[in-house]
Structure formats: structure tokens, C-alpha cells
Amino acid sequence: MKKQKIFIGTNWKMTKNLKEGREYVQQLLEVKKALTSKLELFIIPSFPHLTTIKQDLEGSGVKLGAQTMHCLKN
């Protein structure tokens, strides 16, 4: 029987600024070291932080996602 991956992730919406997001990534990367390879981690940060968070995740194996909208009016 093929092992199935378990996906665990966070969608930040607009709840973290860049500093908080980068701190979260560093903490997650530390926790990831102790996790089984059966777990697949992902982060969906706020749109303005995608490029920086992508760089922070480089080579970590943590997946990066994006959301397309938010209900907050401009």
C-alpha cells in the first residue's frame, strides 16, 4: 500500500506582517526537523510577503501557496 502524505499548513490571510511571518518561518523550519517525512508542510502568506517568504523557504521542502483575494475593501 502506498503511503499517503498528510498536508498541514497555514493561511495567514492578513494576520501577519513581514517580520512576524519571517519569524514564523524560522520557527516552522526548526519544528520540521523533528517531523516525519509523511507530513507535507505548506504556508500561504499574505500576498505582499510572497517573494520574501519564498526566499526564506528556499530548499526547505515547505511548500508555498498564494491566495487570490480578500474581502477587505480598498
C-alpha atoms as a PDB file:
ATOM      1  CA  MET A   1       0.000   0.000   0.000  1.00  0.00           C
ATOM      2  CA  LYS A   2       1.348   3.413  -0.985  1.00  0.00           C
ATOM      3  CA  LYS A   3       1.980   5.811   1.893  1.00  0.00           C
ATOM      4  CA  GLN A   4      -0.185   8.884   1.661  1.00  0.00           C
ATOM      5  CA  LYS A   5       1.120  12.307   2.614  1.00  0.00           C
ATOM      6  CA  ILE A   6      -0.592  14.353   5.288  1.00  0.00           C
ATOM      7  CA  PHE A   7      -0.721  18.063   4.464  1.00  0.00           C
ATOM      8  CA  ILE A   8      -0.509  20.589   7.306  1.00  0.00           C
ATOM      9  CA  GLY A   9      -0.416  24.279   6.635  1.00  0.00           C
ATOM     10  CA  THR A  10      -1.394  27.801   7.482  1.00  0.00           C
ATOM     11  CA  ASN A  11      -3.185  30.520   5.580  1.00  0.00           C
ATOM     12  CA  TRP A  12      -2.242  33.854   7.098  1.00  0.00           C
ATOM     13  CA  LYS A  13      -4.810  35.987   5.302  1.00  0.00           C
ATOM     14  CA  MET A  14      -3.714  39.423   6.512  1.00  0.00           C
ATOM     15  CA  THR A  15      -2.820  38.451  10.090  1.00  0.00           C
ATOM     16  CA  LYS A  16       0.993  38.609   9.979  1.00  0.00           C
ATOM     17  CA  ASN A  17       3.250  41.444   8.953  1.00  0.00           C
ATOM     18  CA  LEU A  18       6.531  40.576   7.225  1.00  0.00           C
ATOM     19  CA  LYS A  19       8.588  40.465  10.434  1.00  0.00           C
ATOM     20  CA  GLU A  20       6.074  38.146  12.119  1.00  0.00           C
ATOM     21  CA  GLY A  21       5.901  35.968   9.010  1.00  0.00           C
ATOM     22  CA  ARG A  22       9.642  35.553   8.762  1.00  0.00           C
ATOM     23  CA  GLU A  23       9.851  34.680  12.474  1.00  0.00           C
ATOM     24  CA  TYR A  24       7.106  32.095  11.957  1.00  0.00           C
ATOM     25  CA  VAL A  25       9.009  30.541   9.037  1.00  0.00           C
ATOM     26  CA  GLN A  26      12.163  30.182  11.149  1.00  0.00           C
ATOM     27  CA  GLN A  27      10.206  28.512  13.961  1.00  0.00           C
ATOM     28  CA  LEU A  28       8.458  26.200  11.488  1.00  0.00           C
ATOM     29  CA  LEU A  29      11.753  25.147   9.929  1.00  0.00           C
ATOM     30  CA  GLU A  30      13.049  24.187  13.387  1.00  0.00           C
ATOM     31  CA  VAL A  31       9.908  22.151  14.139  1.00  0.00           C
ATOM     32  CA  LYS A  32      10.078  20.492  10.708  1.00  0.00           C
ATOM     33  CA  LYS A  33      13.372  18.831  11.635  1.00  0.00           C
ATOM     34  CA  ALA A  34      11.552  16.669  14.194  1.00  0.00           C
ATOM     35  CA  LEU A  35       8.611  15.697  11.959  1.00  0.00           C
ATOM     36  CA  THR A  36       8.104  12.523   9.977  1.00  0.00           C
ATOM     37  CA  SER A  37       8.613  12.645   6.225  1.00  0.00           C
ATOM     38  CA  LYS A  38       4.957  11.607   5.878  1.00  0.00           C
ATOM     39  CA  LEU A  39       3.971  15.189   6.695  1.00  0.00           C
ATOM     40  CA  GLU A  40       3.945  17.804   3.944  1.00  0.00           C
ATOM     41  CA  LEU A  41       4.014  21.392   5.243  1.00  0.00           C
ATOM     42  CA  PHE A  42       2.782  24.484   3.445  1.00  0.00           C
ATOM     43  CA  ILE A  43       2.374  28.216   4.063  1.00  0.00           C
ATOM     44  CA  ILE A  44       0.004  30.638   2.344  1.00  0.00           C
ATOM     45  CA  PRO A  45       1.254  34.087   3.389  1.00  0.00           C
ATOM     46  CA  SER A  46      -0.251  37.475   2.692  1.00  0.00           C
ATOM     47  CA  PHE A  47       0.299  38.472  -0.943  1.00  0.00           C
ATOM     48  CA  PRO A  48       2.783  41.320  -0.274  1.00  0.00           C
ATOM     49  CA  HIS A  49       5.104  38.861   1.509  1.00  0.00           C
ATOM     50  CA  LEU A  50       5.195  36.059  -1.084  1.00  0.00           C
ATOM     51  CA  THR A  51       8.601  36.878  -2.585  1.00  0.00           C
ATOM     52  CA  THR A  52      10.414  37.234   0.741  1.00  0.00           C
ATOM     53  CA  ILE A  53       8.804  34.157   2.296  1.00  0.00           C
ATOM     54  CA  LYS A  54       9.616  32.168  -0.853  1.00  0.00           C
ATOM     55  CA  GLN A  55      13.280  33.102  -0.406  1.00  0.00           C
ATOM     56  CA  ASP A  56      13.144  32.146   3.285  1.00  0.00           C
ATOM     57  CA  LEU A  57      11.704  28.704   2.399  1.00  0.00           C
ATOM     58  CA  GLU A  58      14.230  28.011  -0.385  1.00  0.00           C
ATOM     59  CA  GLY A  59      15.449  24.404  -0.165  1.00  0.00           C
ATOM     60  CA  SER A  60      13.401  23.636   2.967  1.00  0.00           C
ATOM     61  CA  GLY A  61      10.803  21.389   1.379  1.00  0.00           C
ATOM     62  CA  VAL A  62       7.996  23.537   2.833  1.00  0.00           C
ATOM     63  CA  LYS A  63       5.500  24.355   0.079  1.00  0.00           C
ATOM     64  CA  LEU A  64       4.373  27.912  -0.686  1.00  0.00           C
ATOM     65  CA  GLY A  65       0.887  28.853  -1.805  1.00  0.00           C
ATOM     66  CA  ALA A  66      -0.946  32.050  -2.664  1.00  0.00           C
ATOM     67  CA  GLN A  67      -4.463  33.319  -2.247  1.00  0.00           C
ATOM     68  CA  THR A  68      -6.205  35.425  -4.820  1.00  0.00           C
ATOM     69  CA  MET A  69      -8.481  37.705  -2.842  1.00  0.00           C
ATOM     70  CA  HIS A  70      -9.625  39.118   0.482  1.00  0.00           C
ATOM     71  CA  CYS A  71     -12.922  40.659   1.465  1.00  0.00           C
ATOM     72  CA  LEU A  72     -11.323  43.866   2.807  1.00  0.00           C
ATOM     73  CA  LYS A  73     -12.381  46.863   0.682  1.00  0.00           C
ATOM     74  CA  ASN A  74      -9.622  49.180  -0.545  1.00  0.00           C
END
